[in-house]
Amino acid sequence: MLTIKVLGSGCANCKHLEKLTLKVIDQLGVDAEVVKVTDPAKYADYGVMSTPGLVINEKTVSSGRIPSVGEITTFVTSALT
């Protein structure tokens, strides 16, 4: 099972990233837990200085922008191998 963390305060961009990530997981049929991290003190643990951030299995894959569905798909499938 993958652990996917969406880092952000709950702003519109963070919510959009979470929505896209859930869509990709559903489309791929991947067993994953999606966790929202809203504590700014935790962002630095992942090297994220601007949100939204996306962390898969404790590896930061995106920060400061909303990746496309294709990019998120690549991030998730890469984490499966």
C-alpha atoms as a PDB file:
ATOM      1  CA  MET A   1       0.000   0.000   0.000  1.00  0.00           C
ATOM      2  CA  LEU A   2       1.213   3.479  -0.888  1.00  0.00           C
ATOM      3  CA  THR A   3       1.186   6.335   1.583  1.00  0.00           C
ATOM      4  CA  ILE A   4       0.502   9.619  -0.160  1.00  0.00           C
ATOM      5  CA  LYS A   5       0.663  12.925   1.680  1.00  0.00           C
ATOM      6  CA  VAL A   6      -0.786  16.176   0.417  1.00  0.00           C
ATOM      7  CA  LEU A   7       0.961  19.052   2.165  1.00  0.00           C
ATOM      8  CA  GLY A   8      -0.907  22.315   2.459  1.00  0.00           C
ATOM      9  CA  SER A   9      -3.055  24.527   4.605  1.00  0.00           C
ATOM     10  CA  GLY A  10      -6.329  23.538   2.973  1.00  0.00           C
ATOM     11  CA  CYS A  11      -6.290  26.270   0.338  1.00  0.00           C
ATOM     12  CA  ALA A  12      -7.981  25.800  -3.036  1.00  0.00           C
ATOM     13  CA  ASN A  13      -4.758  24.563  -4.683  1.00  0.00           C
ATOM     14  CA  CYS A  14      -4.169  22.006  -1.946  1.00  0.00           C
ATOM     15  CA  LYS A  15      -7.734  20.726  -2.199  1.00  0.00           C
ATOM     16  CA  HIS A  16      -7.413  20.523  -5.991  1.00  0.00           C
ATOM     17  CA  LEU A  17      -4.195  18.494  -5.701  1.00  0.00           C
ATOM     18  CA  GLU A  18      -5.888  16.123  -3.269  1.00  0.00           C
ATOM     19  CA  LYS A  19      -8.845  15.714  -5.638  1.00  0.00           C
ATOM     20  CA  LEU A  20      -6.572  14.975  -8.621  1.00  0.00           C
ATOM     21  CA  THR A  21      -4.536  12.508  -6.571  1.00  0.00           C
ATOM     22  CA  LEU A  22      -7.650  10.645  -5.443  1.00  0.00           C
ATOM     23  CA  LYS A  23      -8.844  10.539  -9.061  1.00  0.00           C
ATOM     24  CA  VAL A  24      -5.557   8.980 -10.219  1.00  0.00           C
ATOM     25  CA  ILE A  25      -5.600   6.406  -7.423  1.00  0.00           C
ATOM     26  CA  ASP A  26      -9.150   5.470  -8.332  1.00  0.00           C
ATOM     27  CA  GLN A  27      -8.380   5.208 -12.059  1.00  0.00           C
ATOM     28  CA  LEU A  28      -5.330   3.037 -11.431  1.00  0.00           C
ATOM     29  CA  GLY A  29      -7.061   0.901  -8.810  1.00  0.00           C
ATOM     30  CA  VAL A  30      -4.136   1.424  -6.444  1.00  0.00           C
ATOM     31  CA  ASP A  31      -4.322   0.613  -2.745  1.00  0.00           C
ATOM     32  CA  ALA A  32      -3.230   3.870  -1.141  1.00  0.00           C
ATOM     33  CA  GLU A  33      -3.765   5.924   1.958  1.00  0.00           C
ATOM     34  CA  VAL A  34      -4.029   9.677   1.342  1.00  0.00           C
ATOM     35  CA  VAL A  35      -3.105  11.847   4.310  1.00  0.00           C
ATOM     36  CA  LYS A  36      -3.492  15.617   4.541  1.00  0.00           C
ATOM     37  CA  VAL A  37      -0.628  17.381   6.304  1.00  0.00           C
ATOM     38  CA  THR A  38      -1.710  20.864   7.344  1.00  0.00           C
ATOM     39  CA  ASP A  39       0.974  21.656   9.938  1.00  0.00           C
ATOM     40  CA  PRO A  40       3.473  24.097   8.354  1.00  0.00           C
ATOM     41  CA  ALA A  41       6.187  22.870  10.732  1.00  0.00           C
ATOM     42  CA  LYS A  42       6.017  19.457   9.023  1.00  0.00           C
ATOM     43  CA  TYR A  43       6.490  20.842   5.486  1.00  0.00           C
ATOM     44  CA  ALA A  44      10.205  21.428   6.041  1.00  0.00           C
ATOM     45  CA  ASP A  45      10.632  17.749   6.962  1.00  0.00           C
ATOM     46  CA  TYR A  46       9.909  17.039   3.286  1.00  0.00           C
ATOM     47  CA  GLY A  47      11.835  19.988   1.849  1.00  0.00           C
ATOM     48  CA  VAL A  48       8.630  21.758   0.873  1.00  0.00           C
ATOM     49  CA  MET A  49       8.944  25.521   1.144  1.00  0.00           C
ATOM     50  CA  SER A  50       5.776  26.373  -0.800  1.00  0.00           C
ATOM     51  CA  THR A  51       2.544  24.437  -1.014  1.00  0.00           C
ATOM     52  CA  PRO A  52       0.912  22.389  -2.260  1.00  0.00           C
ATOM     53  CA  GLY A  53       3.323  19.515  -1.834  1.00  0.00           C
ATOM     54  CA  LEU A  54       2.953  15.875  -2.774  1.00  0.00           C
ATOM     55  CA  VAL A  55       4.851  13.127  -0.963  1.00  0.00           C
ATOM     56  CA  ILE A  56       4.638   9.456  -1.922  1.00  0.00           C
ATOM     57  CA  ASN A  57       6.128   6.872   0.444  1.00  0.00           C
ATOM     58  CA  GLU A  58       8.067   9.626   2.234  1.00  0.00           C
ATOM     59  CA  LYS A  59       9.613  10.930  -1.025  1.00  0.00           C
ATOM     60  CA  THR A  60       8.731  14.468  -2.118  1.00  0.00           C
ATOM     61  CA  VAL A  61       7.653  14.327  -5.765  1.00  0.00           C
ATOM     62  CA  SER A  62       6.166  17.806  -6.209  1.00  0.00           C
ATOM     63  CA  SER A  63       6.227  21.143  -4.429  1.00  0.00           C
ATOM     64  CA  GLY A  64       4.826  24.611  -4.997  1.00  0.00           C
ATOM     65  CA  ARG A  65       2.560  23.703  -7.923  1.00  0.00           C
ATOM     66  CA  ILE A  66      -0.262  21.440  -9.019  1.00  0.00           C
ATOM     67  CA  PRO A  67       1.106  18.637 -11.192  1.00  0.00           C
ATOM     68  CA  SER A  68      -0.997  17.401 -14.103  1.00  0.00           C
ATOM     69  CA  VAL A  69      -2.985  14.165 -13.929  1.00  0.00           C
ATOM     70  CA  GLY A  70      -0.352  12.608 -16.183  1.00  0.00           C
ATOM     71  CA  GLU A  71       2.446  13.642 -13.829  1.00  0.00           C
ATOM     72  CA  ILE A  72       0.600  12.329 -10.781  1.00  0.00           C
ATOM     73  CA  THR A  73      -0.028   9.064 -12.638  1.00  0.00           C
ATOM     74  CA  THR A  74       3.701   8.790 -13.352  1.00  0.00           C
ATOM     75  CA  PHE A  75       4.571   9.547  -9.713  1.00  0.00           C
ATOM     76  CA  VAL A  76       2.184   6.864  -8.446  1.00  0.00           C
ATOM     77  CA  THR A  77       3.152   4.175 -10.943  1.00  0.00           C
ATOM     78  CA  SER A  78       6.846   4.838 -10.307  1.00  0.00           C
ATOM     79  CA  ALA A  79       6.288   4.384  -6.587  1.00  0.00           C
ATOM     80  CA  LEU A  80       4.725   0.978  -7.237  1.00  0.00           C
ATOM     81  CA  THR A  81       7.895  -0.465  -8.773  1.00  0.00           C
END
